[in-house]
Amino acid sequence: MKINKGYFWLISFVSFVVFILDRIIKIYIMKTPLSGEVFILGDFLKFRVAYNYGIAFGLPVNYYLLIALYIIVLIGLVWIGTGYYAKKKYLQTVAILTVLLGAVSNLIDRLTLGKVIDYIDIKYYSVLNIADVMIVVGVIGLILWSYKSDK
């Protein structure tokens, strides 16, 4: 599946808007500490603030090592994304951009707060944020397009 440059810019803009939405929610949470939960879809999906001091699922890791890994991954994503864009692989570029924006949002939290703000609580899972969703969606997109291009 290929998209033209116009759709690339539209989808990139949507990714950037989602990034801004995540930042706005996190800034609101920092300025207005919330207590309790807000039920959205019954007990299945709720809004609850949690702080993640570690990596995925709160696994502990040294803070400075984590920041160094973030920077290495971000540089790699920019490099790979630039290569995809030069080859006019716009879907892959958008997927990389989406992962990059999600990672940058969480990095901003780590650098300013020393932790990541999570606020989407899904029953039987973990508490996450929109930036986490962006990362997962981007990675899934890369895997799917990689699988299709191999065929």
N, C-alpha and C. Protein backbone atom coordinates (compact mmCIF):
# COMPACT_ATOMS: atom_id res chain seq x y z
N MET A 1 0.84 -1.18 0.00
CA MET A 1 0.00 0.00 0.00
C MET A 1 0.89 1.24 0.00
N LYS A 2 0.61 2.14 -0.90
CA LYS A 2 1.38 3.38 -0.99
C LYS A 2 0.45 4.56 -0.81
N ILE A 3 0.98 5.62 -0.30
CA ILE A 3 0.23 6.86 -0.20
C ILE A 3 1.05 7.96 -0.85
N ASN A 4 0.35 9.01 -1.29
CA ASN A 4 1.09 10.11 -1.90
C ASN A 4 1.56 11.07 -0.83
N LYS A 5 2.33 12.05 -1.25
CA LYS A 5 2.94 12.99 -0.32
C LYS A 5 1.89 13.82 0.42
N GLY A 6 0.77 14.14 -0.23
CA GLY A 6 -0.30 14.91 0.42
C GLY A 6 -0.88 14.17 1.61
N TYR A 7 -1.17 12.88 1.43
CA TYR A 7 -1.68 12.08 2.54
C TYR A 7 -0.63 11.93 3.64
N PHE A 8 0.63 11.83 3.22
CA PHE A 8 1.71 11.76 4.20
C PHE A 8 1.66 12.97 5.14
N TRP A 9 1.54 14.16 4.55
CA TRP A 9 1.51 15.37 5.38
C TRP A 9 0.26 15.44 6.23
N LEU A 10 -0.87 14.98 5.71
CA LEU A 10 -2.12 14.96 6.49
C LEU A 10 -2.00 14.02 7.68
N ILE A 11 -1.52 12.82 7.44
CA ILE A 11 -1.38 11.84 8.52
C ILE A 11 -0.33 12.32 9.53
N SER A 12 0.74 12.93 9.05
CA SER A 12 1.76 13.47 9.95
C SER A 12 1.17 14.56 10.83
N PHE A 13 0.33 15.40 10.24
CA PHE A 13 -0.33 16.46 11.01
C PHE A 13 -1.23 15.86 12.09
N VAL A 14 -1.97 14.82 11.75
CA VAL A 14 -2.83 14.15 12.73
C VAL A 14 -1.98 13.57 13.86
N SER A 15 -0.86 12.96 13.53
CA SER A 15 0.04 12.43 14.56
C SER A 15 0.53 13.53 15.48
N PHE A 16 0.86 14.67 14.88
CA PHE A 16 1.32 15.80 15.69
C PHE A 16 0.21 16.32 16.60
N VAL A 17 -1.03 16.36 16.10
CA VAL A 17 -2.17 16.80 16.92
C VAL A 17 -2.38 15.84 18.09
N VAL A 18 -2.25 14.55 17.84
CA VAL A 18 -2.39 13.55 18.92
C VAL A 18 -1.28 13.74 19.95
N PHE A 19 -0.07 14.03 19.50
CA PHE A 19 1.04 14.33 20.40
C PHE A 19 0.69 15.54 21.27
N ILE A 20 0.18 16.60 20.67
CA ILE A 20 -0.21 17.81 21.41
C ILE A 20 -1.30 17.48 22.42
N LEU A 21 -2.27 16.65 22.02
CA LEU A 21 -3.34 16.25 22.94
C LEU A 21 -2.76 15.54 24.17
N ASP A 22 -1.82 14.63 23.95
CA ASP A 22 -1.17 13.94 25.06
C ASP A 22 -0.47 14.94 25.98
N ARG A 23 0.25 15.88 25.38
CA ARG A 23 0.95 16.89 26.19
C ARG A 23 -0.04 17.75 26.98
N ILE A 24 -1.14 18.14 26.37
CA ILE A 24 -2.15 18.97 27.06
C ILE A 24 -2.72 18.21 28.25
N ILE A 25 -3.06 16.94 28.05
CA ILE A 25 -3.61 16.14 29.15
C ILE A 25 -2.58 16.03 30.27
N LYS A 26 -1.33 15.78 29.94
CA LYS A 26 -0.29 15.64 30.96
C LYS A 26 -0.06 16.96 31.70
N ILE A 27 -0.07 18.07 30.99
CA ILE A 27 0.09 19.38 31.64
C ILE A 27 -1.09 19.65 32.57
N TYR A 28 -2.29 19.31 32.13
CA TYR A 28 -3.47 19.49 32.97
C TYR A 28 -3.34 18.66 34.25
N ILE A 29 -2.89 17.42 34.10
CA ILE A 29 -2.71 16.56 35.27
C ILE A 29 -1.67 17.14 36.22
N MET A 30 -0.58 17.69 35.68
CA MET A 30 0.46 18.27 36.54
C MET A 30 -0.07 19.49 37.30
N LYS A 31 -0.91 20.28 36.66
CA LYS A 31 -1.41 21.51 37.28
C LYS A 31 -2.63 21.27 38.15
N THR A 32 -3.38 20.20 37.88
CA THR A 32 -4.60 19.91 38.61
C THR A 32 -4.55 18.46 39.10
N PRO A 33 -3.90 18.24 40.24
CA PRO A 33 -3.82 16.86 40.74
C PRO A 33 -5.22 16.26 40.91
N LEU A 34 -5.42 15.10 40.33
CA LEU A 34 -6.71 14.43 40.39
C LEU A 34 -6.65 13.31 41.42
N SER A 35 -7.75 13.12 42.08
CA SER A 35 -7.84 11.99 42.99
C SER A 35 -9.01 11.13 42.55
N GLY A 36 -8.85 9.86 42.67
CA GLY A 36 -9.92 8.95 42.28
C GLY A 36 -9.86 8.58 40.82
N GLU A 37 -10.96 8.04 40.34
CA GLU A 37 -11.04 7.53 38.98
C GLU A 37 -12.26 8.12 38.29
N VAL A 38 -12.18 8.25 36.99
CA VAL A 38 -13.32 8.66 36.18
C VAL A 38 -13.63 7.50 35.25
N PHE A 39 -14.80 6.92 35.41
CA PHE A 39 -15.18 5.76 34.62
C PHE A 39 -15.69 6.21 33.26
N ILE A 40 -15.11 5.66 32.20
CA ILE A 40 -15.48 6.03 30.84
C ILE A 40 -16.36 4.95 30.23
N LEU A 41 -15.91 3.72 30.26
CA LEU A 41 -16.70 2.57 29.78
C LEU A 41 -16.85 1.57 30.93
N GLY A 42 -17.60 1.98 31.92
CA GLY A 42 -17.78 1.13 33.09
C GLY A 42 -16.45 0.87 33.77
N ASP A 43 -16.26 -0.37 34.20
CA ASP A 43 -15.03 -0.75 34.88
C ASP A 43 -13.92 -1.10 33.88
N PHE A 44 -14.28 -1.25 32.60
CA PHE A 44 -13.31 -1.67 31.59
C PHE A 44 -12.30 -0.59 31.24
N LEU A 45 -12.76 0.65 31.09
CA LEU A 45 -11.88 1.74 30.69
C LEU A 45 -12.15 2.93 31.59
N LYS A 46 -11.10 3.41 32.25
CA LYS A 46 -11.27 4.56 33.14
C LYS A 46 -10.06 5.48 33.07
N PHE A 47 -10.26 6.68 33.53
CA PHE A 47 -9.22 7.69 33.61
C PHE A 47 -8.70 7.67 35.03
N ARG A 48 -7.43 7.29 35.20
CA ARG A 48 -6.81 7.23 36.52
C ARG A 48 -5.34 7.60 36.37
N VAL A 49 -4.88 8.51 37.19
CA VAL A 49 -3.49 8.97 37.09
C VAL A 49 -2.57 8.01 37.83
N ALA A 50 -1.50 7.64 37.15
CA ALA A 50 -0.46 6.80 37.74
C ALA A 50 0.88 7.31 37.22
N TYR A 51 1.92 7.10 37.99
CA TYR A 51 3.24 7.56 37.59
C TYR A 51 4.15 6.37 37.37
N ASN A 52 4.86 6.38 36.27
CA ASN A 52 5.75 5.29 35.91
C ASN A 52 7.19 5.78 36.03
N TYR A 53 7.91 5.26 37.00
CA TYR A 53 9.30 5.64 37.23
C TYR A 53 10.26 4.75 36.44
N GLY A 54 9.78 3.63 35.95
CA GLY A 54 10.64 2.69 35.23
C GLY A 54 10.36 2.72 33.75
N ILE A 55 10.63 1.58 33.09
CA ILE A 55 10.34 1.46 31.67
C ILE A 55 8.99 0.78 31.54
N ALA A 56 8.74 0.10 30.45
CA ALA A 56 7.45 -0.53 30.21
C ALA A 56 6.97 -1.33 31.42
N PHE A 57 5.72 -1.13 31.76
CA PHE A 57 5.06 -1.80 32.88
C PHE A 57 5.73 -1.51 34.22
N GLY A 58 6.45 -0.41 34.29
CA GLY A 58 7.07 0.02 35.54
C GLY A 58 8.32 -0.75 35.94
N LEU A 59 8.89 -1.49 35.00
CA LEU A 59 10.11 -2.24 35.33
C LEU A 59 11.22 -1.26 35.68
N PRO A 60 11.91 -1.49 36.79
CA PRO A 60 12.92 -0.53 37.24
C PRO A 60 14.16 -0.54 36.36
N VAL A 61 14.74 0.65 36.18
CA VAL A 61 15.98 0.79 35.43
C VAL A 61 16.64 2.08 35.89
N ASN A 62 17.95 2.14 35.81
CA ASN A 62 18.70 3.33 36.20
C ASN A 62 18.25 4.52 35.35
N TYR A 63 17.97 5.64 36.00
CA TYR A 63 17.44 6.84 35.33
C TYR A 63 18.38 7.32 34.21
N TYR A 64 19.66 7.42 34.48
CA TYR A 64 20.60 7.94 33.50
C TYR A 64 20.78 6.98 32.32
N LEU A 65 20.76 5.70 32.60
CA LEU A 65 20.81 4.71 31.54
C LEU A 65 19.57 4.83 30.66
N LEU A 66 18.42 5.03 31.28
CA LEU A 66 17.17 5.17 30.55
C LEU A 66 17.21 6.40 29.64
N ILE A 67 17.69 7.53 30.13
CA ILE A 67 17.78 8.74 29.32
C ILE A 67 18.75 8.52 28.15
N ALA A 68 19.87 7.86 28.41
CA ALA A 68 20.84 7.57 27.34
C ALA A 68 20.20 6.68 26.27
N LEU A 69 19.44 5.66 26.71
CA LEU A 69 18.76 4.79 25.75
C LEU A 69 17.73 5.57 24.93
N TYR A 70 16.98 6.44 25.60
CA TYR A 70 16.02 7.29 24.89
C TYR A 70 16.71 8.06 23.78
N ILE A 71 17.81 8.71 24.11
CA ILE A 71 18.50 9.55 23.13
C ILE A 71 19.01 8.72 21.96
N ILE A 72 19.57 7.56 22.25
CA ILE A 72 20.06 6.68 21.19
C ILE A 72 18.92 6.24 20.28
N VAL A 73 17.81 5.84 20.89
CA VAL A 73 16.65 5.39 20.11
C VAL A 73 16.09 6.55 19.28
N LEU A 74 15.99 7.74 19.86
CA LEU A 74 15.46 8.89 19.11
C LEU A 74 16.35 9.23 17.92
N ILE A 75 17.65 9.21 18.11
CA ILE A 75 18.57 9.47 16.99
C ILE A 75 18.40 8.40 15.91
N GLY A 76 18.28 7.16 16.32
CA GLY A 76 18.06 6.07 15.37
C GLY A 76 16.75 6.23 14.61
N LEU A 77 15.70 6.62 15.30
CA LEU A 77 14.40 6.82 14.65
C LEU A 77 14.46 7.95 13.62
N VAL A 78 15.12 9.04 13.97
CA VAL A 78 15.25 10.15 13.02
C VAL A 78 16.03 9.68 11.78
N TRP A 79 17.09 8.95 12.00
CA TRP A 79 17.91 8.46 10.90
C TRP A 79 17.11 7.52 9.99
N ILE A 80 16.42 6.55 10.59
CA ILE A 80 15.63 5.60 9.82
C ILE A 80 14.48 6.32 9.10
N GLY A 81 13.79 7.21 9.81
CA GLY A 81 12.69 7.96 9.21
C GLY A 81 13.13 8.80 8.04
N THR A 82 14.28 9.42 8.16
CA THR A 82 14.82 10.23 7.06
C THR A 82 15.11 9.34 5.84
N GLY A 83 15.63 8.16 6.09
CA GLY A 83 15.89 7.21 5.00
C GLY A 83 14.61 6.78 4.30
N TYR A 84 13.57 6.47 5.09
CA TYR A 84 12.28 6.10 4.50
C TYR A 84 11.71 7.25 3.67
N TYR A 85 11.81 8.46 4.19
CA TYR A 85 11.27 9.62 3.48
C TYR A 85 12.01 9.83 2.16
N ALA A 86 13.33 9.68 2.19
CA ALA A 86 14.12 9.85 0.96
C ALA A 86 13.75 8.80 -0.09
N LYS A 87 13.36 7.61 0.37
CA LYS A 87 12.96 6.54 -0.55
C LYS A 87 11.46 6.62 -0.91
N LYS A 88 10.80 7.69 -0.44
CA LYS A 88 9.37 7.91 -0.69
C LYS A 88 8.50 6.80 -0.12
N LYS A 89 8.96 6.22 0.99
CA LYS A 89 8.17 5.22 1.72
C LYS A 89 7.43 5.98 2.82
N TYR A 90 6.34 6.63 2.42
CA TYR A 90 5.66 7.56 3.30
C TYR A 90 4.92 6.88 4.45
N LEU A 91 4.37 5.70 4.22
CA LEU A 91 3.69 5.00 5.32
C LEU A 91 4.68 4.64 6.42
N GLN A 92 5.84 4.12 6.04
CA GLN A 92 6.85 3.79 7.02
C GLN A 92 7.36 5.04 7.73
N THR A 93 7.48 6.14 6.99
CA THR A 93 7.92 7.40 7.59
C THR A 93 6.93 7.88 8.62
N VAL A 94 5.63 7.77 8.31
CA VAL A 94 4.60 8.18 9.27
C VAL A 94 4.64 7.29 10.50
N ALA A 95 4.85 5.99 10.31
CA ALA A 95 4.94 5.07 11.45
C ALA A 95 6.11 5.45 12.34
N ILE A 96 7.26 5.73 11.73
CA ILE A 96 8.44 6.16 12.51
C ILE A 96 8.14 7.47 13.23
N LEU A 97 7.51 8.41 12.53
CA LEU A 97 7.17 9.71 13.13
C LEU A 97 6.25 9.52 14.33
N THR A 98 5.29 8.63 14.22
CA THR A 98 4.35 8.38 15.31
C THR A 98 5.08 7.80 16.53
N VAL A 99 5.97 6.85 16.30
CA VAL A 99 6.77 6.29 17.40
C VAL A 99 7.64 7.39 18.00
N LEU A 100 8.26 8.19 17.15
CA LEU A 100 9.14 9.26 17.61
C LEU A 100 8.39 10.27 18.47
N LEU A 101 7.21 10.70 18.03
CA LEU A 101 6.44 11.68 18.81
C LEU A 101 6.00 11.10 20.15
N GLY A 102 5.59 9.83 20.17
CA GLY A 102 5.22 9.20 21.44
C GLY A 102 6.40 9.13 22.39
N ALA A 103 7.55 8.75 21.85
CA ALA A 103 8.76 8.66 22.69
C ALA A 103 9.18 10.03 23.20
N VAL A 104 9.07 11.06 22.36
CA VAL A 104 9.44 12.41 22.78
C VAL A 104 8.52 12.89 23.90
N SER A 105 7.22 12.61 23.79
CA SER A 105 6.30 13.02 24.85
C SER A 105 6.67 12.39 26.18
N ASN A 106 6.97 11.10 26.17
CA ASN A 106 7.36 10.43 27.41
C ASN A 106 8.73 10.91 27.90
N LEU A 107 9.63 11.24 26.97
CA LEU A 107 10.94 11.77 27.36
C LEU A 107 10.79 13.14 28.03
N ILE A 108 9.90 13.96 27.54
CA ILE A 108 9.64 15.26 28.17
C ILE A 108 9.22 15.06 29.62
N ASP A 109 8.34 14.08 29.86
CA ASP A 109 7.93 13.77 31.24
C ASP A 109 9.14 13.37 32.08
N ARG A 110 9.96 12.48 31.53
CA ARG A 110 11.12 11.98 32.30
C ARG A 110 12.08 13.10 32.64
N LEU A 111 12.33 13.99 31.68
CA LEU A 111 13.29 15.06 31.92
C LEU A 111 12.75 16.13 32.86
N THR A 112 11.44 16.39 32.81
CA THR A 112 10.87 17.44 33.66
C THR A 112 10.38 16.93 35.01
N LEU A 113 9.94 15.68 35.06
CA LEU A 113 9.35 15.15 36.29
C LEU A 113 10.12 13.98 36.89
N GLY A 114 10.94 13.35 36.09
CA GLY A 114 11.63 12.14 36.55
C GLY A 114 10.76 10.91 36.47
N LYS A 115 9.60 11.03 35.85
CA LYS A 115 8.64 9.92 35.72
C LYS A 115 7.72 10.22 34.55
N VAL A 116 6.99 9.20 34.11
CA VAL A 116 6.02 9.38 33.03
C VAL A 116 4.62 9.36 33.62
N ILE A 117 3.79 10.28 33.16
CA ILE A 117 2.40 10.34 33.62
C ILE A 117 1.56 9.42 32.74
N ASP A 118 0.92 8.45 33.36
CA ASP A 118 -0.02 7.55 32.69
C ASP A 118 -1.41 7.85 33.20
N TYR A 119 -2.42 7.69 32.34
CA TYR A 119 -3.77 8.10 32.74
C TYR A 119 -4.90 7.29 32.12
N ILE A 120 -4.61 6.35 31.24
CA ILE A 120 -5.65 5.50 30.66
C ILE A 120 -5.54 4.14 31.33
N ASP A 121 -6.55 3.76 32.08
CA ASP A 121 -6.54 2.49 32.82
C ASP A 121 -7.48 1.51 32.12
N ILE A 122 -6.89 0.45 31.57
CA ILE A 122 -7.66 -0.58 30.89
C ILE A 122 -7.69 -1.81 31.78
N LYS A 123 -8.90 -2.29 32.06
CA LYS A 123 -9.06 -3.46 32.94
C LYS A 123 -8.24 -4.63 32.42
N TYR A 124 -7.63 -5.36 33.31
CA TYR A 124 -6.80 -6.53 33.02
C TYR A 124 -5.51 -6.16 32.29
N TYR A 125 -5.17 -4.90 32.23
CA TYR A 125 -3.93 -4.48 31.58
C TYR A 125 -3.20 -3.55 32.51
N SER A 126 -2.68 -2.50 32.01
CA SER A 126 -1.89 -1.57 32.78
C SER A 126 -2.41 -0.16 32.53
N VAL A 127 -1.89 0.79 33.26
CA VAL A 127 -2.23 2.19 33.03
C VAL A 127 -1.22 2.72 32.01
N LEU A 128 -1.71 3.41 31.00
CA LEU A 128 -0.85 3.92 29.95
C LEU A 128 -1.29 5.32 29.55
N ASN A 129 -0.66 5.88 28.54
CA ASN A 129 -1.04 7.20 28.06
C ASN A 129 -1.11 7.19 26.54
N ILE A 130 -1.52 8.31 25.97
CA ILE A 130 -1.66 8.38 24.51
C ILE A 130 -0.31 8.19 23.83
N ALA A 131 0.76 8.69 24.43
CA ALA A 131 2.10 8.52 23.84
C ALA A 131 2.44 7.04 23.72
N ASP A 132 2.09 6.25 24.72
CA ASP A 132 2.33 4.80 24.66
C ASP A 132 1.55 4.18 23.50
N VAL A 133 0.31 4.62 23.34
CA VAL A 133 -0.52 4.12 22.24
C VAL A 133 0.12 4.49 20.89
N MET A 134 0.63 5.71 20.79
CA MET A 134 1.30 6.13 19.55
C MET A 134 2.49 5.22 19.23
N ILE A 135 3.27 4.90 20.24
CA ILE A 135 4.43 4.03 20.04
C ILE A 135 3.99 2.66 19.55
N VAL A 136 2.98 2.10 20.19
CA VAL A 136 2.50 0.76 19.82
C VAL A 136 1.92 0.77 18.41
N VAL A 137 1.10 1.76 18.09
CA VAL A 137 0.50 1.84 16.76
C VAL A 137 1.58 1.99 15.69
N GLY A 138 2.58 2.83 15.94
CA GLY A 138 3.67 3.00 14.98
C GLY A 138 4.46 1.73 14.77
N VAL A 139 4.76 1.02 15.85
CA VAL A 139 5.52 -0.24 15.74
C VAL A 139 4.70 -1.29 15.00
N ILE A 140 3.41 -1.39 15.31
CA ILE A 140 2.55 -2.35 14.60
C ILE A 140 2.51 -2.00 13.11
N GLY A 141 2.40 -0.72 12.79
CA GLY A 141 2.41 -0.31 11.39
C GLY A 141 3.70 -0.71 10.70
N LEU A 142 4.83 -0.49 11.35
CA LEU A 142 6.12 -0.88 10.76
C LEU A 142 6.20 -2.39 10.54
N ILE A 143 5.72 -3.16 11.50
CA ILE A 143 5.75 -4.62 11.36
C ILE A 143 4.87 -5.06 10.20
N LEU A 144 3.66 -4.51 10.13
CA LEU A 144 2.74 -4.90 9.05
C LEU A 144 3.29 -4.53 7.68
N TRP A 145 3.81 -3.31 7.53
CA TRP A 145 4.33 -2.88 6.23
C TRP A 145 5.61 -3.61 5.89
N SER A 146 6.38 -3.99 6.88
CA SER A 146 7.58 -4.76 6.64
C SER A 146 7.19 -6.16 6.15
N TYR A 147 6.18 -6.73 6.77
CA TYR A 147 5.71 -8.06 6.38
C TYR A 147 5.15 -8.03 4.95
N LYS A 148 4.37 -6.99 4.62
CA LYS A 148 3.80 -6.88 3.28
C LYS A 148 4.88 -6.66 2.23
N SER A 149 5.90 -5.86 2.56
CA SER A 149 6.95 -5.58 1.56
C SER A 149 7.83 -6.80 1.34
N ASP A 150 7.91 -7.71 2.32
CA ASP A 150 8.70 -8.94 2.14
C ASP A 150 8.02 -9.90 1.18
N LYS A 151 6.68 -9.83 1.10
CA LYS A 151 5.95 -10.70 0.18
C LYS A 151 6.11 -10.15 -1.20
